[in-house]
Amino acid sequence: MRLIFSSKPPRSTYAPSRTSVVMPNTSFVCTVVPPSGSARSIARQGASAAQLGNKENPLYMAEEAAATDLISGGRLQLGVSRGSPETALAGYRSFGYVPESDDENGADLARDHTAVFRRAIAGEPMANANPQMTGAVGSLAITPQSDTLSERIWWGAGTRATAEWTAEQGMNLMSSTLLTEDTGVPFDQLQAEQIERFRSTWREMGWEREPRVSVSRSIIPIIDDESRHYFGVRAQVEGQDQVGHLDGGLARFGRSYIGEPEQLVAELAADQAVRDADTVLVTVPNQLGVDFNARLLAAVKDVFTEVDAAPAAV
């Protein structure tokens, strides 16, 4: 199991009407913990980022992504999505992008931009050459190019249907702490079904490589008086799923994992989606500073060492 730690405020700072759980438009540096039993030391995921597809120029984004991947030695993991409902009304218009009249939330625009971006990083010509400058007639691809970047593009999917679409496109699946649908089952079971549909569709498409799947979790081990002071009471409220209205329908927010390390081992070992994913993105309370989060992440690593060793729940 890989762990990736991302900086983000705790879920309690968000309200259902203004949450930004899925794919915030920021870059962040992550730490990757190798699977249990690995002889490798902890590696640093030197260049990871998340982008909102309906606010980005796809060709500029392709050039920046390729350059970043080359600079980082092929370690860029790039997540793309429409993003969750935002505080700005049609914010993509402020970036100069106007979707079709029937694309109310910019989802189609994000998918269109992502399609152009993926063709560009795959080396497809994007413009005609100017013979006066090049001395020849032909087409031009973006530069630079990174040969394997296409395999490290993730789509942030908020529904089971979107996960199936992600597999059809050949992208990796990134699923957050929010699903914009609800069937009445616990969040981890609904997300596990999303993962299964993704992998089933991937097999049907016949893609040659194995896909990657990540899920996000808010995990706060109570390890000292300071962590108990900040988060002890929150465990009573955030220790269960929440259901609310978002983006015109029901949405299910996954629970937070807050408690003593032994308790978290048992709870995370029983989380079906955590078991089914190959990567867990752990959100951390970045406002509390480096020292606090360093202790927190060390404890999370220890928790997952035991989670990986625990037998799967029946």
C-alpha atoms as a PDB file:
ATOM      1  CA  MET A   1       0.000   0.000   0.000  1.00  0.00           C
ATOM      2  CA  ARG A   2       1.378   3.402  -0.952  1.00  0.00           C
ATOM      3  CA  LEU A   3       0.622   6.411   1.216  1.00  0.00           C
ATOM      4  CA  ILE A   4       0.660   9.933  -0.175  1.00  0.00           C
ATOM      5  CA  PHE A   5       0.318  12.848   2.206  1.00  0.00           C
ATOM      6  CA  SER A   6      -1.246  16.072   0.974  1.00  0.00           C
ATOM      7  CA  SER A   7      -1.645  19.430   2.652  1.00  0.00           C
ATOM      8  CA  LYS A   8      -5.260  20.414   3.078  1.00  0.00           C
ATOM      9  CA  PRO A   9      -7.426  21.839   5.856  1.00  0.00           C
ATOM     10  CA  PRO A  10      -9.469  19.364   7.895  1.00  0.00           C
ATOM     11  CA  ARG A  11     -12.889  18.495   6.503  1.00  0.00           C
ATOM     12  CA  SER A  12     -14.642  20.435   9.268  1.00  0.00           C
ATOM     13  CA  THR A  13     -13.486  23.695   7.674  1.00  0.00           C
ATOM     14  CA  TYR A  14     -15.715  22.930   4.692  1.00  0.00           C
ATOM     15  CA  ALA A  15     -19.474  23.114   4.436  1.00  0.00           C
ATOM     16  CA  PRO A  16     -21.381  20.904   1.979  1.00  0.00           C
ATOM     17  CA  SER A  17     -22.357  23.966  -0.050  1.00  0.00           C
ATOM     18  CA  ARG A  18     -18.773  25.099  -0.541  1.00  0.00           C
ATOM     19  CA  THR A  19     -16.612  22.024  -0.187  1.00  0.00           C
ATOM     20  CA  SER A  20     -13.479  21.662  -2.286  1.00  0.00           C
ATOM     21  CA  VAL A  21     -12.655  18.083  -1.458  1.00  0.00           C
ATOM     22  CA  VAL A  22     -12.092  16.744  -4.981  1.00  0.00           C
ATOM     23  CA  MET A  23      -8.999  17.977  -6.787  1.00  0.00           C
ATOM     24  CA  PRO A  24      -8.151  21.425  -5.415  1.00  0.00           C
ATOM     25  CA  ASN A  25      -6.417  23.632  -7.992  1.00  0.00           C
ATOM     26  CA  THR A  26      -3.078  23.655  -6.200  1.00  0.00           C
ATOM     27  CA  SER A  27       0.257  21.913  -6.430  1.00  0.00           C
ATOM     28  CA  PHE A  28       1.658  19.981  -3.517  1.00  0.00           C
ATOM     29  CA  VAL A  29       4.641  17.856  -2.590  1.00  0.00           C
ATOM     30  CA  CYS A  30       3.914  14.330  -1.422  1.00  0.00           C
ATOM     31  CA  THR A  31       5.721  11.611   0.458  1.00  0.00           C
ATOM     32  CA  VAL A  32       5.308   8.071  -0.807  1.00  0.00           C
ATOM     33  CA  VAL A  33       5.693   5.195   1.618  1.00  0.00           C
ATOM     34  CA  PRO A  34       6.671   1.924  -0.118  1.00  0.00           C
ATOM     35  CA  PRO A  35       4.500  -1.165   0.411  1.00  0.00           C
ATOM     36  CA  SER A  36       5.079  -3.177   3.576  1.00  0.00           C
ATOM     37  CA  GLY A  37       8.136  -5.395   3.374  1.00  0.00           C
ATOM     38  CA  SER A  38       9.852  -3.214   0.806  1.00  0.00           C
ATOM     39  CA  ALA A  39      13.584  -2.812   1.252  1.00  0.00           C
ATOM     40  CA  ARG A  40      13.475   0.658  -0.211  1.00  0.00           C
ATOM     41  CA  SER A  41      13.653   3.732   1.966  1.00  0.00           C
ATOM     42  CA  ILE A  42      10.839   6.245   2.009  1.00  0.00           C
ATOM     43  CA  ALA A  43      10.842   8.066  -1.321  1.00  0.00           C
ATOM     44  CA  ARG A  44       9.762  11.603  -2.000  1.00  0.00           C
ATOM     45  CA  GLN A  45       7.211  12.091  -4.760  1.00  0.00           C
ATOM     46  CA  GLY A  46       9.008  15.159  -6.000  1.00  0.00           C
ATOM     47  CA  ALA A  47       6.373  16.631  -8.286  1.00  0.00           C
ATOM     48  CA  SER A  48       2.692  15.939  -7.824  1.00  0.00           C
ATOM     49  CA  ALA A  49      -0.145  18.234  -8.731  1.00  0.00           C
ATOM     50  CA  ALA A  50      -3.863  18.562  -9.228  1.00  0.00           C
ATOM     51  CA  GLN A  51      -5.458  20.700 -11.895  1.00  0.00           C
ATOM     52  CA  LEU A  52      -8.997  21.770 -12.704  1.00  0.00           C
ATOM     53  CA  GLY A  53      -9.509  20.922 -16.358  1.00  0.00           C
ATOM     54  CA  ASN A  54     -12.027  23.669 -17.048  1.00  0.00           C
ATOM     55  CA  LYS A  55      -9.665  26.448 -15.901  1.00  0.00           C
ATOM     56  CA  GLU A  56      -6.497  25.444 -17.731  1.00  0.00           C
ATOM     57  CA  ASN A  57      -5.188  26.064 -21.244  1.00  0.00           C
ATOM     58  CA  PRO A  58      -4.598  22.425 -22.273  1.00  0.00           C
ATOM     59  CA  LEU A  59      -1.533  23.086 -24.442  1.00  0.00           C
ATOM     60  CA  TYR A  60       0.171  25.307 -21.876  1.00  0.00           C
ATOM     61  CA  MET A  61      -0.648  22.701 -19.242  1.00  0.00           C
ATOM     62  CA  ALA A  62       0.839  19.956 -21.458  1.00  0.00           C
ATOM     63  CA  GLU A  63       4.123  21.837 -21.872  1.00  0.00           C
ATOM     64  CA  GLU A  64       4.343  22.620 -18.150  1.00  0.00           C
ATOM     65  CA  ALA A  65       3.515  19.033 -17.187  1.00  0.00           C
ATOM     66  CA  ALA A  66       6.096  17.545 -19.552  1.00  0.00           C
ATOM     67  CA  ALA A  67       8.781  19.948 -18.357  1.00  0.00           C
ATOM     68  CA  THR A  68       7.980  19.220 -14.717  1.00  0.00           C
ATOM     69  CA  ASP A  69       8.080  15.481 -15.338  1.00  0.00           C
ATOM     70  CA  LEU A  70      11.480  15.686 -17.015  1.00  0.00           C
ATOM     71  CA  ILE A  71      12.890  17.894 -14.265  1.00  0.00           C
ATOM     72  CA  SER A  72      11.608  15.513 -11.578  1.00  0.00           C
ATOM     73  CA  GLY A  73      13.022  12.442 -13.275  1.00  0.00           C
ATOM     74  CA  GLY A  74       9.684  11.022 -14.370  1.00  0.00           C
ATOM     75  CA  ARG A  75       7.981  11.299 -10.982  1.00  0.00           C
ATOM     76  CA  LEU A  76       5.063  13.567 -11.824  1.00  0.00           C
ATOM     77  CA  GLN A  77       1.654  12.192 -10.837  1.00  0.00           C
ATOM     78  CA  LEU A  78      -0.921  14.567 -12.326  1.00  0.00           C
ATOM     79  CA  GLY A  79      -4.567  14.535 -11.309  1.00  0.00           C
ATOM     80  CA  VAL A  80      -7.167  16.264 -13.483  1.00  0.00           C
ATOM     81  CA  SER A  81     -10.872  16.844 -12.932  1.00  0.00           C
ATOM     82  CA  ARG A  82     -13.740  19.251 -13.253  1.00  0.00           C
ATOM     83  CA  GLY A  83     -13.437  19.710  -9.508  1.00  0.00           C
ATOM     84  CA  SER A  84     -16.201  19.794  -6.947  1.00  0.00           C
ATOM     85  CA  PRO A  85     -18.745  22.639  -6.769  1.00  0.00           C
ATOM     86  CA  GLU A  86     -16.904  25.882  -6.046  1.00  0.00           C
ATOM     87  CA  THR A  87     -17.598  29.151  -4.258  1.00  0.00           C
ATOM     88  CA  ALA A  88     -17.239  31.169  -7.471  1.00  0.00           C
ATOM     89  CA  LEU A  89     -20.241  31.213  -9.786  1.00  0.00           C
ATOM     90  CA  ALA A  90     -19.050  29.696 -13.087  1.00  0.00           C
ATOM     91  CA  GLY A  91     -15.480  30.507 -12.094  1.00  0.00           C
ATOM     92  CA  TYR A  92     -14.075  29.057 -15.320  1.00  0.00           C
ATOM     93  CA  ARG A  93     -15.547  32.052 -17.165  1.00  0.00           C
ATOM     94  CA  SER A  94     -13.174  34.311 -15.224  1.00  0.00           C
ATOM     95  CA  PHE A  95     -10.329  32.309 -16.777  1.00  0.00           C
ATOM     96  CA  GLY A  96     -11.693  33.019 -20.257  1.00  0.00           C
ATOM     97  CA  TYR A  97     -13.376  29.672 -20.898  1.00  0.00           C
ATOM     98  CA  VAL A  98     -17.043  29.616 -21.882  1.00  0.00           C
ATOM     99  CA  PRO A  99     -18.699  26.193 -22.125  1.00  0.00           C
ATOM    100  CA  GLU A 100     -21.657  25.265 -24.302  1.00  0.00           C
ATOM    101  CA  SER A 101     -25.065  26.403 -23.081  1.00  0.00           C
ATOM    102  CA  ASP A 102     -26.018  22.889 -21.934  1.00  0.00           C
ATOM    103  CA  ASP A 103     -22.784  22.416 -19.944  1.00  0.00           C
ATOM    104  CA  GLU A 104     -23.992  24.019 -16.714  1.00  0.00           C
ATOM    105  CA  ASN A 105     -21.063  23.131 -14.443  1.00  0.00           C
ATOM    106  CA  GLY A 106     -18.199  23.026 -16.934  1.00  0.00           C
ATOM    107  CA  ALA A 107     -17.844  19.235 -16.782  1.00  0.00           C
ATOM    108  CA  ASP A 108     -17.858  18.764 -20.561  1.00  0.00           C
ATOM    109  CA  LEU A 109     -15.423  21.645 -20.930  1.00  0.00           C
ATOM    110  CA  ALA A 110     -13.044  19.955 -18.468  1.00  0.00           C
ATOM    111  CA  ARG A 111     -13.254  16.674 -20.376  1.00  0.00           C
ATOM    112  CA  ASP A 112     -12.647  18.414 -23.709  1.00  0.00           C
ATOM    113  CA  HIS A 113      -9.609  20.261 -22.326  1.00  0.00           C
ATOM    114  CA  THR A 114      -8.286  17.028 -20.846  1.00  0.00           C
ATOM    115  CA  ALA A 115      -8.643  15.223 -24.184  1.00  0.00           C
ATOM    116  CA  VAL A 116      -6.579  17.920 -25.935  1.00  0.00           C
ATOM    117  CA  PHE A 117      -4.018  17.849 -23.113  1.00  0.00           C
ATOM    118  CA  ARG A 118      -3.622  14.076 -23.343  1.00  0.00           C
ATOM    119  CA  ARG A 119      -3.197  14.162 -27.121  1.00  0.00           C
ATOM    120  CA  ALA A 120      -0.553  16.848 -26.704  1.00  0.00           C
ATOM    121  CA  ILE A 121       1.520  14.959 -24.112  1.00  0.00           C
ATOM    122  CA  ALA A 122       1.270  11.844 -26.321  1.00  0.00           C
ATOM    123  CA  GLY A 123       3.109  13.729 -29.070  1.00  0.00           C
ATOM    124  CA  GLU A 124       0.224  14.405 -31.434  1.00  0.00           C
ATOM    125  CA  PRO A 125       0.837  17.470 -33.652  1.00  0.00           C
ATOM    126  CA  MET A 126      -1.006  20.484 -32.288  1.00  0.00           C
ATOM    127  CA  ALA A 127      -0.143  23.221 -34.810  1.00  0.00           C
ATOM    128  CA  ASN A 128       1.009  23.722 -38.382  1.00  0.00           C
ATOM    129  CA  ALA A 129       4.615  24.710 -38.918  1.00  0.00           C
ATOM    130  CA  ASN A 130       5.449  28.122 -40.361  1.00  0.00           C
ATOM    131  CA  PRO A 131       7.628  27.394 -43.442  1.00  0.00           C
ATOM    132  CA  GLN A 132       9.248  30.837 -43.200  1.00  0.00           C
ATOM    133  CA  MET A 133      10.596  29.866 -39.780  1.00  0.00           C
ATOM    134  CA  THR A 134      11.127  26.121 -40.156  1.00  0.00           C
ATOM    135  CA  GLY A 135      12.006  25.835 -43.819  1.00  0.00           C
ATOM    136  CA  ALA A 136       9.502  23.034 -44.276  1.00  0.00           C
ATOM    137  CA  VAL A 137       5.787  22.320 -44.351  1.00  0.00           C
ATOM    138  CA  GLY A 138       4.525  20.091 -41.585  1.00  0.00           C
ATOM    139  CA  SER A 139       3.025  19.891 -38.126  1.00  0.00           C
ATOM    140  CA  LEU A 140       4.395  20.665 -34.691  1.00  0.00           C
ATOM    141  CA  ALA A 141       3.967  18.876 -31.377  1.00  0.00           C
ATOM    142  CA  ILE A 142       4.404  20.599 -28.024  1.00  0.00           C
ATOM    143  CA  THR A 143       7.869  20.643 -26.516  1.00  0.00           C
ATOM    144  CA  PRO A 144       9.282  19.180 -24.423  1.00  0.00           C
ATOM    145  CA  GLN A 145       7.915  15.633 -24.521  1.00  0.00           C
ATOM    146  CA  SER A 146       8.021  13.081 -21.700  1.00  0.00           C
ATOM    147  CA  ASP A 147       7.488   9.576 -23.038  1.00  0.00           C
ATOM    148  CA  THR A 148       5.806   7.945 -20.029  1.00  0.00           C
ATOM    149  CA  LEU A 149       3.814  10.873 -18.626  1.00  0.00           C
ATOM    150  CA  SER A 150       0.599   9.624 -20.242  1.00  0.00           C
ATOM    151  CA  GLU A 151       0.616   6.641 -17.871  1.00  0.00           C
ATOM    152  CA  ARG A 152       0.625   8.912 -14.823  1.00  0.00           C
ATOM    153  CA  ILE A 153      -2.500  10.973 -15.483  1.00  0.00           C
ATOM    154  CA  TRP A 154      -5.328  10.533 -12.968  1.00  0.00           C
ATOM    155  CA  TRP A 155      -8.956  11.601 -13.225  1.00  0.00           C
ATOM    156  CA  GLY A 156     -10.781  12.682 -10.061  1.00  0.00           C
ATOM    157  CA  ALA A 157     -14.093  10.812 -10.290  1.00  0.00           C
ATOM    158  CA  GLY A 158     -17.036  11.686  -8.054  1.00  0.00           C
ATOM    159  CA  THR A 159     -19.452   8.959  -9.202  1.00  0.00           C
ATOM    160  CA  ARG A 160     -19.448   5.330 -10.278  1.00  0.00           C
ATOM    161  CA  ALA A 161     -20.381   6.316 -13.834  1.00  0.00           C
ATOM    162  CA  THR A 162     -17.474   8.756 -14.030  1.00  0.00           C
ATOM    163  CA  ALA A 163     -15.125   6.014 -12.835  1.00  0.00           C
ATOM    164  CA  GLU A 164     -16.281   3.851 -15.749  1.00  0.00           C
ATOM    165  CA  TRP A 165     -15.689   6.764 -18.131  1.00  0.00           C
ATOM    166  CA  THR A 166     -12.205   7.207 -16.631  1.00  0.00           C
ATOM    167  CA  ALA A 167     -11.378   3.583 -17.422  1.00  0.00           C
ATOM    168  CA  GLU A 168     -12.690   3.981 -20.967  1.00  0.00           C
ATOM    169  CA  GLN A 169     -10.228   6.851 -21.448  1.00  0.00           C
ATOM    170  CA  GLY A 170      -7.293   4.858 -20.061  1.00  0.00           C
ATOM    171  CA  MET A 171      -6.599   7.165 -17.113  1.00  0.00           C
ATOM    172  CA  ASN A 172      -5.851   6.194 -13.519  1.00  0.00           C
ATOM    173  CA  LEU A 173      -8.649   6.641 -10.977  1.00  0.00           C
ATOM    174  CA  MET A 174      -8.490   9.147  -8.125  1.00  0.00           C
ATOM    175  CA  SER A 175     -11.447   9.016  -5.720  1.00  0.00           C
ATOM    176  CA  SER A 176     -11.693  11.489  -2.865  1.00  0.00           C
ATOM    177  CA  THR A 177     -13.547  11.690   0.466  1.00  0.00           C
ATOM    178  CA  LEU A 178     -16.705  12.741  -1.379  1.00  0.00           C
ATOM    179  CA  LEU A 179     -19.008  11.007  -3.847  1.00  0.00           C
ATOM    180  CA  THR A 180     -21.718  13.080  -5.491  1.00  0.00           C
ATOM    181  CA  GLU A 181     -24.246  10.251  -5.279  1.00  0.00           C
ATOM    182  CA  ASP A 182     -25.688   8.088  -2.529  1.00  0.00           C
ATOM    183  CA  THR A 183     -27.259   4.631  -2.430  1.00  0.00           C
ATOM    184  CA  GLY A 184     -27.637   4.318   1.328  1.00  0.00           C
ATOM    185  CA  VAL A 185     -24.606   2.081   1.870  1.00  0.00           C
ATOM    186  CA  PRO A 186     -21.538   3.205   3.865  1.00  0.00           C
ATOM    187  CA  PHE A 187     -19.061   5.398   2.003  1.00  0.00           C
ATOM    188  CA  ASP A 188     -16.302   2.798   1.835  1.00  0.00           C
ATOM    189  CA  GLN A 189     -18.663   0.249   0.261  1.00  0.00           C
ATOM    190  CA  LEU A 190     -19.956   2.742  -2.304  1.00  0.00           C
ATOM    191  CA  GLN A 191     -16.389   3.715  -3.156  1.00  0.00           C
ATOM    192  CA  ALA A 192     -15.365   0.058  -3.376  1.00  0.00           C
ATOM    193  CA  GLU A 193     -18.153  -0.456  -5.918  1.00  0.00           C
ATOM    194  CA  GLN A 194     -16.833   2.561  -7.825  1.00  0.00           C
ATOM    195  CA  ILE A 195     -13.358   0.971  -7.893  1.00  0.00           C
ATOM    196  CA  GLU A 196     -14.750  -2.386  -9.039  1.00  0.00           C
ATOM    197  CA  ARG A 197     -16.679  -0.742 -11.887  1.00  0.00           C
ATOM    198  CA  PHE A 198     -13.533   1.115 -12.906  1.00  0.00           C
ATOM    199  CA  ARG A 199     -11.421  -2.043 -12.997  1.00  0.00           C
ATOM    200  CA  SER A 200     -14.130  -4.064 -14.731  1.00  0.00           C
ATOM    201  CA  THR A 201     -14.415  -1.447 -17.483  1.00  0.00           C
ATOM    202  CA  TRP A 202     -10.616  -1.271 -17.736  1.00  0.00           C
ATOM    203  CA  ARG A 203     -10.497  -5.018 -18.405  1.00  0.00           C
ATOM    204  CA  GLU A 204     -13.255  -4.716 -21.004  1.00  0.00           C
ATOM    205  CA  MET A 205     -11.301  -2.002 -22.807  1.00  0.00           C
ATOM    206  CA  GLY A 206      -8.283  -4.283 -23.092  1.00  0.00           C
ATOM    207  CA  TRP A 207      -5.690  -1.749 -21.976  1.00  0.00           C
ATOM    208  CA  GLU A 208      -2.241  -3.320 -21.730  1.00  0.00           C
ATOM    209  CA  ARG A 209      -0.977  -1.717 -18.541  1.00  0.00           C
ATOM    210  CA  GLU A 210      -2.328  -2.147 -15.024  1.00  0.00           C
ATOM    211  CA  PRO A 211      -4.296   0.883 -13.786  1.00  0.00           C
ATOM    212  CA  ARG A 212      -3.614   2.791 -10.587  1.00  0.00           C
ATOM    213  CA  VAL A 213      -6.344   3.576  -8.053  1.00  0.00           C
ATOM    214  CA  SER A 214      -6.118   6.028  -5.167  1.00  0.00           C
ATOM    215  CA  VAL A 215      -8.595   6.913  -2.440  1.00  0.00           C
ATOM    216  CA  SER A 216      -8.377   9.826  -0.016  1.00  0.00           C
ATOM    217  CA  ARG A 217      -8.815   9.632   3.736  1.00  0.00           C
ATOM    218  CA  SER A 218      -8.612  12.119   6.590  1.00  0.00           C
ATOM    219  CA  ILE A 219      -6.609  10.275   9.263  1.00  0.00           C
ATOM    220  CA  ILE A 220      -5.661  11.823  12.603  1.00  0.00           C
ATOM    221  CA  PRO A 221      -4.008   9.495  15.139  1.00  0.00           C
ATOM    222  CA  ILE A 222      -4.415  10.747  18.721  1.00  0.00           C
ATOM    223  CA  ILE A 223      -0.838  10.374  19.929  1.00  0.00           C
ATOM    224  CA  ASP A 224      -0.389  13.127  22.525  1.00  0.00           C
ATOM    225  CA  ASP A 225      -2.161  15.896  24.437  1.00  0.00           C
ATOM    226  CA  GLU A 226      -1.845  18.327  21.530  1.00  0.00           C
ATOM    227  CA  SER A 227      -3.533  16.052  18.986  1.00  0.00           C
ATOM    228  CA  ARG A 228      -6.214  15.207  21.568  1.00  0.00           C
ATOM    229  CA  HIS A 229      -6.787  18.914  22.211  1.00  0.00           C
ATOM    230  CA  TYR A 230      -7.278  19.740  18.532  1.00  0.00           C
ATOM    231  CA  PHE A 231      -9.125  16.646  17.346  1.00  0.00           C
ATOM    232  CA  GLY A 232     -10.401  14.578  20.263  1.00  0.00           C
ATOM    233  CA  VAL A 233     -13.900  16.058  20.279  1.00  0.00           C
ATOM    234  CA  ARG A 234     -14.166  16.025  16.473  1.00  0.00           C
ATOM    235  CA  ALA A 235     -14.011  12.235  16.473  1.00  0.00           C
ATOM    236  CA  GLN A 236     -17.555  12.151  17.863  1.00  0.00           C
ATOM    237  CA  VAL A 237     -18.922  14.195  14.936  1.00  0.00           C
ATOM    238  CA  GLU A 238     -16.657  13.288  12.027  1.00  0.00           C
ATOM    239  CA  GLY A 239     -16.372   9.586  12.836  1.00  0.00           C
ATOM    240  CA  GLN A 240     -19.325   8.749  10.625  1.00  0.00           C
ATOM    241  CA  ASP A 241     -20.445   9.444   7.071  1.00  0.00           C
ATOM    242  CA  GLN A 242     -22.435  12.558   6.301  1.00  0.00           C
ATOM    243  CA  VAL A 243     -25.073  12.877   3.603  1.00  0.00           C
ATOM    244  CA  GLY A 244     -26.146  16.221   2.164  1.00  0.00           C
ATOM    245  CA  HIS A 245     -27.239  18.024  -0.969  1.00  0.00           C
ATOM    246  CA  LEU A 246     -24.486  19.090  -3.356  1.00  0.00           C
ATOM    247  CA  ASP A 247     -24.401  19.944  -7.039  1.00  0.00           C
ATOM    248  CA  GLY A 248     -28.139  19.398  -7.436  1.00  0.00           C
ATOM    249  CA  GLY A 249     -28.382  16.000  -5.746  1.00  0.00           C
ATOM    250  CA  LEU A 250     -27.466  13.839  -2.779  1.00  0.00           C
ATOM    251  CA  ALA A 251     -23.794  13.423  -1.919  1.00  0.00           C
ATOM    252  CA  ARG A 252     -22.061  11.228   0.631  1.00  0.00           C
ATOM    253  CA  PHE A 253     -19.038  12.510   2.544  1.00  0.00           C
ATOM    254  CA  GLY A 254     -16.740   9.825   3.941  1.00  0.00           C
ATOM    255  CA  ARG A 255     -15.978   9.720   7.637  1.00  0.00           C
ATOM    256  CA  SER A 256     -12.748  10.946   9.182  1.00  0.00           C
ATOM    257  CA  TYR A 257     -10.517   8.509  11.037  1.00  0.00           C
ATOM    258  CA  ILE A 258      -9.651  10.079  14.396  1.00  0.00           C
ATOM    259  CA  GLY A 259      -8.594   8.037  17.411  1.00  0.00           C
ATOM    260  CA  GLU A 260      -5.916   6.030  19.157  1.00  0.00           C
ATOM    261  CA  PRO A 261      -3.563   4.254  16.723  1.00  0.00           C
ATOM    262  CA  GLU A 262      -4.802   0.779  17.708  1.00  0.00           C
ATOM    263  CA  GLN A 263      -8.373   1.843  16.989  1.00  0.00           C
ATOM    264  CA  LEU A 264      -7.413   3.293  13.597  1.00  0.00           C
ATOM    265  CA  VAL A 265      -5.654   0.078  12.577  1.00  0.00           C
ATOM    266  CA  ALA A 266      -8.854  -1.910  13.130  1.00  0.00           C
ATOM    267  CA  GLU A 267     -11.082   0.670  11.426  1.00  0.00           C
ATOM    268  CA  LEU A 268      -8.879   1.186   8.359  1.00  0.00           C
ATOM    269  CA  ALA A 269      -8.334  -2.554   7.958  1.00  0.00           C
ATOM    270  CA  ALA A 270     -12.126  -2.865   7.686  1.00  0.00           C
ATOM    271  CA  ASP A 271     -12.400  -0.051   5.113  1.00  0.00           C
ATOM    272  CA  GLN A 272     -13.173  -1.903   1.879  1.00  0.00           C
ATOM    273  CA  ALA A 273     -12.074   0.884  -0.471  1.00  0.00           C
ATOM    274  CA  VAL A 274      -8.770   1.320   1.347  1.00  0.00           C
ATOM    275  CA  ARG A 275      -8.220  -2.395   0.907  1.00  0.00           C
ATOM    276  CA  ASP A 276      -9.091  -2.284  -2.791  1.00  0.00           C
ATOM    277  CA  ALA A 277      -6.969   0.769  -3.705  1.00  0.00           C
ATOM    278  CA  ASP A 278      -3.215   0.627  -4.314  1.00  0.00           C
ATOM    279  CA  THR A 279      -2.647   4.172  -3.010  1.00  0.00           C
ATOM    280  CA  VAL A 280      -4.124   6.135  -0.112  1.00  0.00           C
ATOM    281  CA  LEU A 281      -3.988   9.936  -0.201  1.00  0.00           C
ATOM    282  CA  VAL A 282      -3.936  11.161   3.406  1.00  0.00           C
ATOM    283  CA  THR A 283      -5.019  14.748   4.006  1.00  0.00           C
ATOM    284  CA  VAL A 284      -3.284  16.565   6.835  1.00  0.00           C
ATOM    285  CA  PRO A 285      -4.077  19.765   8.818  1.00  0.00           C
ATOM    286  CA  ASN A 286      -1.397  21.993   7.304  1.00  0.00           C
ATOM    287  CA  GLN A 287      -2.364  24.996   9.461  1.00  0.00           C
ATOM    288  CA  LEU A 288      -0.839  23.309  12.518  1.00  0.00           C
ATOM    289  CA  GLY A 289       2.714  23.540  11.245  1.00  0.00           C
ATOM    290  CA  VAL A 290       5.575  21.297  10.230  1.00  0.00           C
ATOM    291  CA  ASP A 291       6.463  19.790  13.615  1.00  0.00           C
ATOM    292  CA  PHE A 292       2.896  18.728  14.402  1.00  0.00           C
ATOM    293  CA  ASN A 293       2.385  17.205  10.966  1.00  0.00           C
ATOM    294  CA  ALA A 294       5.744  15.420  11.042  1.00  0.00           C
ATOM    295  CA  ARG A 295       4.660  13.618  14.224  1.00  0.00           C
ATOM    296  CA  LEU A 296       1.241  12.974  12.729  1.00  0.00           C
ATOM    297  CA  LEU A 297       2.607  11.475   9.509  1.00  0.00           C
ATOM    298  CA  ALA A 298       5.046   9.258  11.370  1.00  0.00           C
ATOM    299  CA  ALA A 299       2.107   7.879  13.336  1.00  0.00           C
ATOM    300  CA  VAL A 300       0.037   7.380  10.169  1.00  0.00           C
ATOM    301  CA  LYS A 301       2.903   5.444   8.602  1.00  0.00           C
ATOM    302  CA  ASP A 302       3.035   3.162  11.662  1.00  0.00           C
ATOM    303  CA  VAL A 303      -0.735   2.677  11.507  1.00  0.00           C
ATOM    304  CA  PHE A 304      -0.617   1.573   7.881  1.00  0.00           C
ATOM    305  CA  THR A 305       2.279  -0.773   8.515  1.00  0.00           C
ATOM    306  CA  GLU A 306      -0.108  -2.673  10.784  1.00  0.00           C
ATOM    307  CA  VAL A 307      -3.075  -2.220   8.440  1.00  0.00           C
ATOM    308  CA  ASP A 308      -1.143  -3.871   5.599  1.00  0.00           C
ATOM    309  CA  ALA A 309      -0.257  -6.774   7.883  1.00  0.00           C
ATOM    310  CA  ALA A 310      -3.814  -7.212   9.196  1.00  0.00           C
ATOM    311  CA  PRO A 311      -6.008  -9.948   7.665  1.00  0.00           C
ATOM    312  CA  ALA A 312      -8.735  -8.702   5.343  1.00  0.00           C
ATOM    313  CA  ALA A 313     -12.144  -8.314   6.959  1.00  0.00           C
ATOM    314  CA  VAL A 314     -14.650 -11.001   6.031  1.00  0.00           C
END
